[in-house]
Amino acid sequence: MAVARLNGITLSYEVEGEGDLVVMVMGSGSPGRVWRVHQVPALVAAGYRVATFDNRGIPPTDECADGMTIDDLVADTAALIGHLGGPAQVIGTSLGSRVVQELALARPDLVTRAVLLAAHGRLDTSQRMINRAKRALYDTKTVLPPAAHASAAALENLSPATLAKPSVAQDWLDIFALSGSAIGAGARAQLDLADFPDRLDAYRSITVPTLVIGFADDRLIPPGLSREVARAIPGARYEEVPETGHVGYLERPTEVNRLILDFLS
């Protein structure tokens, strides 16, 4: 793991492979190393130089617990691309997709192609309520029992098709139980980024070639919200992966990787 002083913070990142640069932006509350389970090996094998990093809010990158804006995360990503000798092909998921969308709009010189997983240009009532509930847990110092957290996280993040397989579902439940519901102050600050105005009209000015991937059973970012982003961005391609929830890149990595590699090539 490397660290660099970029955009006023200490940012941790990792680079693997040789070739054209791909930068991957993770969603809220998760470290960049999540990409290294399935996506990084596939991209490196295909001949790319792949950078993953921890967004501000996720240690060992500075937590910035006093608050942050989406523009801060965009500027962090832009600074890393510059530091690594960009431009780059940039991939994001969930909050990371919002970062990539705004980066493609503000700094198209840094983005040669954009891939957006679980993209959204707005949130509807249910998504806002889920986010308020997560903030309330932290603000009231409530820590859920492991089984309660695991069951809620599984229903939020996974497809019913995954949960219908007993041994697979149990593995996921064990992972969620071990992770626990407690989050750090930086991850709590990231949750405030969910309160944002509708950005779909702004995205009509994006000129970067874009692939939007929706997950058919995503409860946190329903695929309809991703289709809206694809319709807003001129020339964007939309693909939807069946039987996948919010972490579809972990549930069906072979299909997600195939779509990504086909588009990047």
C-alpha atoms as a PDB file:
ATOM      1  CA  MET A   1       0.000   0.000   0.000  1.00  0.00           C
ATOM      2  CA  ALA A   2       1.254   3.472  -0.908  1.00  0.00           C
ATOM      3  CA  VAL A   3       0.253   6.839   0.513  1.00  0.00           C
ATOM      4  CA  ALA A   4       0.425  10.294  -1.025  1.00  0.00           C
ATOM      5  CA  ARG A   5      -0.488  13.792   0.059  1.00  0.00           C
ATOM      6  CA  LEU A   6      -3.130  14.760  -2.489  1.00  0.00           C
ATOM      7  CA  ASN A   7      -5.809  17.453  -2.470  1.00  0.00           C
ATOM      8  CA  GLY A   8      -4.962  18.364   1.115  1.00  0.00           C
ATOM      9  CA  ILE A   9      -5.348  14.875   2.588  1.00  0.00           C
ATOM     10  CA  THR A  10      -3.283  11.729   3.016  1.00  0.00           C
ATOM     11  CA  LEU A  11      -4.709   9.188   0.579  1.00  0.00           C
ATOM     12  CA  SER A  12      -3.896   5.460   0.577  1.00  0.00           C
ATOM     13  CA  TYR A  13      -3.833   3.571  -2.715  1.00  0.00           C
ATOM     14  CA  GLU A  14      -2.515   0.460  -4.449  1.00  0.00           C
ATOM     15  CA  VAL A  15      -1.434  -0.069  -8.045  1.00  0.00           C
ATOM     16  CA  GLU A  16      -1.043  -3.424  -9.768  1.00  0.00           C
ATOM     17  CA  GLY A  17      -0.248  -4.467 -13.331  1.00  0.00           C
ATOM     18  CA  GLU A  18       1.113  -2.776 -16.435  1.00  0.00           C
ATOM     19  CA  GLY A  19      -0.661  -1.045 -19.288  1.00  0.00           C
ATOM     20  CA  ASP A  20      -3.356   1.604 -19.660  1.00  0.00           C
ATOM     21  CA  LEU A  21      -4.438   3.086 -16.342  1.00  0.00           C
ATOM     22  CA  VAL A  22      -7.753   2.071 -14.761  1.00  0.00           C
ATOM     23  CA  VAL A  23      -8.816   3.788 -11.526  1.00  0.00           C
ATOM     24  CA  MET A  24     -11.545   2.193  -9.400  1.00  0.00           C
ATOM     25  CA  VAL A  25     -13.729   4.158  -6.972  1.00  0.00           C
ATOM     26  CA  MET A  26     -15.515   2.242  -4.198  1.00  0.00           C
ATOM     27  CA  GLY A  27     -18.893   3.033  -2.645  1.00  0.00           C
ATOM     28  CA  SER A  28     -19.690   4.424   0.786  1.00  0.00           C
ATOM     29  CA  GLY A  29     -18.331   2.719   3.872  1.00  0.00           C
ATOM     30  CA  SER A  30     -16.074   0.269   2.016  1.00  0.00           C
ATOM     31  CA  PRO A  31     -12.315   0.204   1.389  1.00  0.00           C
ATOM     32  CA  GLY A  32     -10.819   0.079  -2.071  1.00  0.00           C
ATOM     33  CA  ARG A  33      -9.496  -3.422  -1.484  1.00  0.00           C
ATOM     34  CA  VAL A  34     -12.991  -4.817  -2.105  1.00  0.00           C
ATOM     35  CA  TRP A  35     -12.228  -4.419  -5.820  1.00  0.00           C
ATOM     36  CA  ARG A  36      -9.249  -6.722  -5.413  1.00  0.00           C
ATOM     37  CA  VAL A  37     -11.390  -9.803  -4.781  1.00  0.00           C
ATOM     38  CA  HIS A  38     -12.605 -10.151  -8.384  1.00  0.00           C
ATOM     39  CA  GLN A  39     -12.207  -7.050 -10.554  1.00  0.00           C
ATOM     40  CA  VAL A  40      -8.516  -6.216 -10.141  1.00  0.00           C
ATOM     41  CA  PRO A  41      -7.263  -9.716 -11.059  1.00  0.00           C
ATOM     42  CA  ALA A  42      -9.419  -9.734 -14.197  1.00  0.00           C
ATOM     43  CA  LEU A  43      -8.262  -6.278 -15.287  1.00  0.00           C
ATOM     44  CA  VAL A  44      -4.595  -7.009 -14.613  1.00  0.00           C
ATOM     45  CA  ALA A  45      -4.848 -10.272 -16.557  1.00  0.00           C
ATOM     46  CA  ALA A  46      -6.311  -8.277 -19.451  1.00  0.00           C
ATOM     47  CA  GLY A  47      -3.263  -6.002 -19.493  1.00  0.00           C
ATOM     48  CA  TYR A  48      -4.300  -2.966 -17.460  1.00  0.00           C
ATOM     49  CA  ARG A  49      -2.533  -1.028 -14.708  1.00  0.00           C
ATOM     50  CA  VAL A  50      -5.167  -0.844 -11.979  1.00  0.00           C
ATOM     51  CA  ALA A  51      -5.321   1.610  -9.082  1.00  0.00           C
ATOM     52  CA  THR A  52      -7.621   1.148  -6.103  1.00  0.00           C
ATOM     53  CA  PHE A  53      -7.797   3.532  -3.174  1.00  0.00           C
ATOM     54  CA  ASP A  54      -9.591   4.328   0.058  1.00  0.00           C
ATOM     55  CA  ASN A  55     -11.919   7.310  -0.311  1.00  0.00           C
ATOM     56  CA  ARG A  56     -11.675  10.054   2.280  1.00  0.00           C
ATOM     57  CA  GLY A  57     -13.597   8.782   5.274  1.00  0.00           C
ATOM     58  CA  ILE A  58     -12.071   5.295   5.073  1.00  0.00           C
ATOM     59  CA  PRO A  59      -8.785   4.779   7.020  1.00  0.00           C
ATOM     60  CA  PRO A  60      -5.886   4.754   6.422  1.00  0.00           C
ATOM     61  CA  THR A  61      -6.931   7.633   4.130  1.00  0.00           C
ATOM     62  CA  ASP A  62      -7.832  10.639   6.282  1.00  0.00           C
ATOM     63  CA  GLU A  63     -11.292  10.205   7.795  1.00  0.00           C
ATOM     64  CA  CYS A  64     -12.332  13.865   7.508  1.00  0.00           C
ATOM     65  CA  ALA A  65     -14.937  13.220  10.185  1.00  0.00           C
ATOM     66  CA  ASP A  66     -15.850  16.911  10.319  1.00  0.00           C
ATOM     67  CA  GLY A  67     -17.521  16.502   6.940  1.00  0.00           C
ATOM     68  CA  MET A  68     -16.924  16.281   3.209  1.00  0.00           C
ATOM     69  CA  THR A  69     -18.619  17.067  -0.088  1.00  0.00           C
ATOM     70  CA  ILE A  70     -18.945  15.130  -3.317  1.00  0.00           C
ATOM     71  CA  ASP A  71     -16.632  17.743  -4.840  1.00  0.00           C
ATOM     72  CA  ASP A  72     -13.972  16.732  -2.300  1.00  0.00           C
ATOM     73  CA  LEU A  73     -14.149  13.098  -3.414  1.00  0.00           C
ATOM     74  CA  VAL A  74     -14.089  14.131  -7.067  1.00  0.00           C
ATOM     75  CA  ALA A  75     -11.015  16.286  -6.480  1.00  0.00           C
ATOM     76  CA  ASP A  76      -9.328  13.438  -4.573  1.00  0.00           C
ATOM     77  CA  THR A  77      -9.887  11.090  -7.520  1.00  0.00           C
ATOM     78  CA  ALA A  78      -8.694  13.698 -10.007  1.00  0.00           C
ATOM     79  CA  ALA A  79      -5.547  14.272  -7.950  1.00  0.00           C
ATOM     80  CA  LEU A  80      -4.799  10.543  -7.826  1.00  0.00           C
ATOM     81  CA  ILE A  81      -5.241  10.203 -11.597  1.00  0.00           C
ATOM     82  CA  GLY A  82      -2.833  13.088 -12.087  1.00  0.00           C
ATOM     83  CA  HIS A  83      -0.399  11.585  -9.582  1.00  0.00           C
ATOM     84  CA  LEU A  84      -0.430   8.283 -11.494  1.00  0.00           C
ATOM     85  CA  GLY A  85       0.110   9.903 -14.876  1.00  0.00           C
ATOM     86  CA  GLY A  86      -3.446   9.816 -16.215  1.00  0.00           C
ATOM     87  CA  PRO A  87      -5.810  10.170 -17.973  1.00  0.00           C
ATOM     88  CA  ALA A  88      -7.524   6.951 -16.939  1.00  0.00           C
ATOM     89  CA  GLN A  89     -10.466   4.719 -17.568  1.00  0.00           C
ATOM     90  CA  VAL A  90     -12.489   5.102 -14.361  1.00  0.00           C
ATOM     91  CA  ILE A  91     -14.874   2.638 -12.729  1.00  0.00           C
ATOM     92  CA  GLY A  92     -17.138   3.395  -9.783  1.00  0.00           C
ATOM     93  CA  THR A  93     -19.925   1.760  -7.833  1.00  0.00           C
ATOM     94  CA  SER A  94     -22.775   3.394  -5.882  1.00  0.00           C
ATOM     95  CA  LEU A  95     -21.262   6.504  -4.247  1.00  0.00           C
ATOM     96  CA  GLY A  96     -18.191   5.776  -6.359  1.00  0.00           C
ATOM     97  CA  SER A  97     -20.339   6.028  -9.487  1.00  0.00           C
ATOM     98  CA  ARG A  98     -21.511   9.464  -8.397  1.00  0.00           C
ATOM     99  CA  VAL A  99     -17.873  10.468  -8.031  1.00  0.00           C
ATOM    100  CA  VAL A 100     -17.094   9.196 -11.534  1.00  0.00           C
ATOM    101  CA  GLN A 101     -20.168  10.910 -13.012  1.00  0.00           C
ATOM    102  CA  GLU A 102     -19.177  14.253 -11.514  1.00  0.00           C
ATOM    103  CA  LEU A 103     -15.529  13.736 -12.506  1.00  0.00           C
ATOM    104  CA  ALA A 104     -16.509  13.001 -16.115  1.00  0.00           C
ATOM    105  CA  LEU A 105     -18.585  16.187 -16.105  1.00  0.00           C
ATOM    106  CA  ALA A 106     -15.998  18.463 -14.479  1.00  0.00           C
ATOM    107  CA  ARG A 107     -12.737  16.954 -15.798  1.00  0.00           C
ATOM    108  CA  PRO A 108     -13.346  15.058 -19.040  1.00  0.00           C
ATOM    109  CA  ASP A 109      -9.654  15.505 -19.829  1.00  0.00           C
ATOM    110  CA  LEU A 110      -8.876  12.983 -17.073  1.00  0.00           C
ATOM    111  CA  VAL A 111     -11.427  10.303 -18.032  1.00  0.00           C
ATOM    112  CA  THR A 112     -11.116   8.328 -21.270  1.00  0.00           C
ATOM    113  CA  ARG A 113     -13.997   5.974 -20.443  1.00  0.00           C
ATOM    114  CA  ALA A 114     -16.381   5.685 -17.494  1.00  0.00           C
ATOM    115  CA  VAL A 115     -18.037   2.573 -16.075  1.00  0.00           C
ATOM    116  CA  LEU A 116     -20.836   3.178 -13.574  1.00  0.00           C
ATOM    117  CA  LEU A 117     -22.149   0.344 -11.394  1.00  0.00           C
ATOM    118  CA  ALA A 118     -25.355   1.009  -9.422  1.00  0.00           C
ATOM    119  CA  ALA A 119     -25.404   4.537 -10.799  1.00  0.00           C
ATOM    120  CA  HIS A 120     -27.915   7.139  -9.736  1.00  0.00           C
ATOM    121  CA  GLY A 121     -28.512  10.809 -10.430  1.00  0.00           C
ATOM    122  CA  ARG A 122     -31.076  11.191  -7.669  1.00  0.00           C
ATOM    123  CA  LEU A 123     -32.544   9.205  -4.785  1.00  0.00           C
ATOM    124  CA  ASP A 124     -36.202   8.451  -4.232  1.00  0.00           C
ATOM    125  CA  THR A 125     -38.035   8.396  -0.908  1.00  0.00           C
ATOM    126  CA  SER A 126     -37.145   4.859   0.131  1.00  0.00           C
ATOM    127  CA  GLN A 127     -33.416   5.322  -0.507  1.00  0.00           C
ATOM    128  CA  ARG A 128     -33.408   8.526   1.530  1.00  0.00           C
ATOM    129  CA  MET A 129     -35.208   6.758   4.385  1.00  0.00           C
ATOM    130  CA  ILE A 130     -32.672   3.902   4.399  1.00  0.00           C
ATOM    131  CA  ASN A 131     -29.847   6.410   4.587  1.00  0.00           C
ATOM    132  CA  ARG A 132     -31.510   8.346   7.415  1.00  0.00           C
ATOM    133  CA  ALA A 133     -31.895   5.083   9.338  1.00  0.00           C
ATOM    134  CA  LYS A 134     -28.192   4.292   8.962  1.00  0.00           C
ATOM    135  CA  ARG A 135     -27.230   7.752  10.184  1.00  0.00           C
ATOM    136  CA  ALA A 136     -29.587   7.412  13.134  1.00  0.00           C
ATOM    137  CA  LEU A 137     -27.902   4.173  14.227  1.00  0.00           C
ATOM    138  CA  TYR A 138     -24.533   5.923  14.428  1.00  0.00           C
ATOM    139  CA  ASP A 139     -25.863   9.141  15.948  1.00  0.00           C
ATOM    140  CA  THR A 140     -27.706   7.282  18.722  1.00  0.00           C
ATOM    141  CA  LYS A 141     -24.699   5.002  19.318  1.00  0.00           C
ATOM    142  CA  THR A 142     -26.810   1.953  18.479  1.00  0.00           C
ATOM    143  CA  VAL A 143     -24.913  -1.216  17.590  1.00  0.00           C
ATOM    144  CA  LEU A 144     -27.066  -4.026  16.241  1.00  0.00           C
ATOM    145  CA  PRO A 145     -26.548  -7.616  17.417  1.00  0.00           C
ATOM    146  CA  PRO A 146     -24.487  -9.485  14.797  1.00  0.00           C
ATOM    147  CA  ALA A 147     -27.408 -11.640  13.634  1.00  0.00           C
ATOM    148  CA  ALA A 148     -29.689  -8.624  13.226  1.00  0.00           C
ATOM    149  CA  HIS A 149     -27.062  -6.717  11.265  1.00  0.00           C
ATOM    150  CA  ALA A 150     -26.276  -9.743   9.092  1.00  0.00           C
ATOM    151  CA  SER A 151     -29.886 -10.371   8.168  1.00  0.00           C
ATOM    152  CA  ALA A 152     -30.546  -6.703   7.356  1.00  0.00           C
ATOM    153  CA  ALA A 153     -27.341  -6.377   5.327  1.00  0.00           C
ATOM    154  CA  ALA A 154     -28.097  -9.549   3.381  1.00  0.00           C
ATOM    155  CA  LEU A 155     -31.593  -8.368   2.465  1.00  0.00           C
ATOM    156  CA  GLU A 156     -30.259  -4.933   1.472  1.00  0.00           C
ATOM    157  CA  ASN A 157     -27.276  -6.034  -0.576  1.00  0.00           C
ATOM    158  CA  LEU A 158     -27.973  -9.460  -2.073  1.00  0.00           C
ATOM    159  CA  SER A 159     -30.312 -10.905  -4.655  1.00  0.00           C
ATOM    160  CA  PRO A 160     -33.058 -13.308  -3.566  1.00  0.00           C
ATOM    161  CA  ALA A 161     -31.406 -15.767  -5.955  1.00  0.00           C
ATOM    162  CA  THR A 162     -28.268 -15.685  -3.819  1.00  0.00           C
ATOM    163  CA  LEU A 163     -30.205 -16.020  -0.573  1.00  0.00           C
ATOM    164  CA  ALA A 164     -32.080 -19.011  -1.975  1.00  0.00           C
ATOM    165  CA  LYS A 165     -28.847 -21.043  -1.964  1.00  0.00           C
ATOM    166  CA  PRO A 166     -28.425 -22.173   1.675  1.00  0.00           C
ATOM    167  CA  SER A 167     -24.659 -22.651   1.782  1.00  0.00           C
ATOM    168  CA  VAL A 168     -23.957 -19.477  -0.194  1.00  0.00           C
ATOM    169  CA  ALA A 169     -26.396 -17.464   1.912  1.00  0.00           C
ATOM    170  CA  GLN A 170     -24.805 -18.746   5.112  1.00  0.00           C
ATOM    171  CA  ASP A 171     -21.345 -17.685   3.945  1.00  0.00           C
ATOM    172  CA  TRP A 172     -22.616 -14.172   3.268  1.00  0.00           C
ATOM    173  CA  LEU A 173     -24.457 -14.023   6.602  1.00  0.00           C
ATOM    174  CA  ASP A 174     -21.258 -15.048   8.402  1.00  0.00           C
ATOM    175  CA  ILE A 175     -19.301 -12.302   6.618  1.00  0.00           C
ATOM    176  CA  PHE A 176     -21.885  -9.646   7.473  1.00  0.00           C
ATOM    177  CA  ALA A 177     -22.064 -10.818  11.096  1.00  0.00           C
ATOM    178  CA  LEU A 178     -18.297 -10.554  11.452  1.00  0.00           C
ATOM    179  CA  SER A 179     -18.224  -7.080   9.913  1.00  0.00           C
ATOM    180  CA  GLY A 180     -20.755  -5.733  12.414  1.00  0.00           C
ATOM    181  CA  SER A 181     -22.938  -2.661  12.193  1.00  0.00           C
ATOM    182  CA  ALA A 182     -20.517  -0.226  13.841  1.00  0.00           C
ATOM    183  CA  ILE A 183     -18.908   2.300  11.482  1.00  0.00           C
ATOM    184  CA  GLY A 184     -16.228   4.924  11.917  1.00  0.00           C
ATOM    185  CA  ALA A 185     -16.719   8.663  12.029  1.00  0.00           C
ATOM    186  CA  GLY A 186     -15.466   9.052   8.457  1.00  0.00           C
ATOM    187  CA  ALA A 187     -17.920   6.499   7.095  1.00  0.00           C
ATOM    188  CA  ARG A 188     -20.660   8.339   8.983  1.00  0.00           C
ATOM    189  CA  ALA A 189     -19.601  11.566   7.257  1.00  0.00           C
ATOM    190  CA  GLN A 190     -19.897   9.800   3.892  1.00  0.00           C
ATOM    191  CA  LEU A 191     -23.545   9.023   4.630  1.00  0.00           C
ATOM    192  CA  ASP A 192     -24.364  12.729   4.547  1.00  0.00           C
ATOM    193  CA  LEU A 193     -23.453  12.766   0.851  1.00  0.00           C
ATOM    194  CA  ALA A 194     -26.732  10.980   0.100  1.00  0.00           C
ATOM    195  CA  ASP A 195     -28.605  14.280   0.494  1.00  0.00           C
ATOM    196  CA  PHE A 196     -28.113  15.803  -2.949  1.00  0.00           C
ATOM    197  CA  PRO A 197     -30.305  17.423  -5.602  1.00  0.00           C
ATOM    198  CA  ASP A 198     -31.355  15.755  -8.843  1.00  0.00           C
ATOM    199  CA  ARG A 199     -28.320  15.808 -11.171  1.00  0.00           C
ATOM    200  CA  LEU A 200     -29.791  14.114 -14.248  1.00  0.00           C
ATOM    201  CA  ASP A 201     -30.072  17.291 -16.308  1.00  0.00           C
ATOM    202  CA  ALA A 202     -26.431  18.120 -15.595  1.00  0.00           C
ATOM    203  CA  TYR A 203     -25.357  14.676 -16.812  1.00  0.00           C
ATOM    204  CA  ARG A 204     -26.718  15.467 -20.276  1.00  0.00           C
ATOM    205  CA  SER A 205     -23.487  17.429 -20.754  1.00  0.00           C
ATOM    206  CA  ILE A 206     -21.188  14.442 -20.143  1.00  0.00           C
ATOM    207  CA  THR A 207     -19.171  13.668 -23.276  1.00  0.00           C
ATOM    208  CA  VAL A 208     -17.076  10.744 -21.982  1.00  0.00           C
ATOM    209  CA  PRO A 209     -17.948   7.297 -23.414  1.00  0.00           C
ATOM    210  CA  THR A 210     -19.938   5.636 -20.633  1.00  0.00           C
ATOM    211  CA  LEU A 211     -21.177   2.194 -19.664  1.00  0.00           C
ATOM    212  CA  VAL A 212     -23.873   1.992 -16.971  1.00  0.00           C
ATOM    213  CA  ILE A 213     -24.422  -1.387 -15.294  1.00  0.00           C
ATOM    214  CA  GLY A 214     -27.557  -1.892 -13.228  1.00  0.00           C
ATOM    215  CA  PHE A 215     -28.215  -4.790 -10.860  1.00  0.00           C
ATOM    216  CA  ALA A 216     -31.661  -6.274 -11.364  1.00  0.00           C
ATOM    217  CA  ASP A 217     -32.403  -7.000  -7.683  1.00  0.00           C
ATOM    218  CA  ASP A 218     -30.655  -3.978  -6.161  1.00  0.00           C
ATOM    219  CA  ARG A 219     -32.752  -2.604  -3.289  1.00  0.00           C
ATOM    220  CA  LEU A 220     -30.397   0.242  -2.383  1.00  0.00           C
ATOM    221  CA  ILE A 221     -30.033   1.630  -5.917  1.00  0.00           C
ATOM    222  CA  PRO A 222     -32.855   0.076  -7.948  1.00  0.00           C
ATOM    223  CA  PRO A 223     -31.942  -0.438 -11.604  1.00  0.00           C
ATOM    224  CA  GLY A 224     -34.503   2.122 -12.699  1.00  0.00           C
ATOM    225  CA  LEU A 225     -32.291   4.820 -11.201  1.00  0.00           C
ATOM    226  CA  SER A 226     -29.332   3.481 -13.174  1.00  0.00           C
ATOM    227  CA  ARG A 227     -31.342   3.466 -16.391  1.00  0.00           C
ATOM    228  CA  GLU A 228     -32.138   7.134 -15.786  1.00  0.00           C
ATOM    229  CA  VAL A 229     -28.427   7.939 -15.706  1.00  0.00           C
ATOM    230  CA  ALA A 230     -27.825   5.994 -18.914  1.00  0.00           C
ATOM    231  CA  ARG A 231     -30.646   7.850 -20.631  1.00  0.00           C
ATOM    232  CA  ALA A 232     -29.289  11.200 -19.464  1.00  0.00           C
ATOM    233  CA  ILE A 233     -25.687  10.710 -20.658  1.00  0.00           C
ATOM    234  CA  PRO A 234     -25.513  11.081 -24.453  1.00  0.00           C
ATOM    235  CA  GLY A 235     -24.549   7.824 -26.126  1.00  0.00           C
ATOM    236  CA  ALA A 236     -24.259   5.872 -22.874  1.00  0.00           C
ATOM    237  CA  ARG A 237     -24.676   2.104 -23.034  1.00  0.00           C
ATOM    238  CA  TYR A 238     -26.827   0.352 -20.433  1.00  0.00           C
ATOM    239  CA  GLU A 239     -26.516  -3.255 -19.308  1.00  0.00           C
ATOM    240  CA  GLU A 240     -28.440  -4.975 -16.521  1.00  0.00           C
ATOM    241  CA  VAL A 241     -27.153  -8.050 -14.713  1.00  0.00           C
ATOM    242  CA  PRO A 242     -29.908 -10.441 -13.557  1.00  0.00           C
ATOM    243  CA  GLU A 243     -30.066 -12.045 -10.121  1.00  0.00           C
ATOM    244  CA  THR A 244     -27.752  -9.502  -8.531  1.00  0.00           C
ATOM    245  CA  GLY A 245     -28.191  -7.114  -5.639  1.00  0.00           C
ATOM    246  CA  HIS A 246     -26.257  -4.004  -4.672  1.00  0.00           C
ATOM    247  CA  VAL A 247     -22.964  -5.903  -4.556  1.00  0.00           C
ATOM    248  CA  GLY A 248     -23.505  -7.530  -7.927  1.00  0.00           C
ATOM    249  CA  TYR A 249     -19.789  -7.222  -8.723  1.00  0.00           C
ATOM    250  CA  LEU A 250     -19.243  -9.742  -5.886  1.00  0.00           C
ATOM    251  CA  GLU A 251     -22.314 -11.898  -6.542  1.00  0.00           C
ATOM    252  CA  ARG A 252     -21.801 -12.389 -10.293  1.00  0.00           C
ATOM    253  CA  PRO A 253     -18.246 -11.187 -10.933  1.00  0.00           C
ATOM    254  CA  THR A 254     -17.721 -13.163 -14.136  1.00  0.00           C
ATOM    255  CA  GLU A 255     -20.617 -11.433 -15.882  1.00  0.00           C
ATOM    256  CA  VAL A 256     -19.767  -7.994 -14.476  1.00  0.00           C
ATOM    257  CA  ASN A 257     -16.108  -8.358 -15.433  1.00  0.00           C
ATOM    258  CA  ARG A 258     -17.067  -9.464 -18.941  1.00  0.00           C
ATOM    259  CA  LEU A 259     -19.159  -6.336 -19.438  1.00  0.00           C
ATOM    260  CA  ILE A 260     -16.412  -4.090 -18.089  1.00  0.00           C
ATOM    261  CA  LEU A 261     -13.631  -5.635 -20.178  1.00  0.00           C
ATOM    262  CA  ASP A 262     -15.734  -5.640 -23.335  1.00  0.00           C
ATOM    263  CA  PHE A 263     -16.421  -1.930 -22.914  1.00  0.00           C
ATOM    264  CA  LEU A 264     -12.873  -0.919 -22.004  1.00  0.00           C
ATOM    265  CA  SER A 265     -11.436  -2.774 -24.967  1.00  0.00           C
END
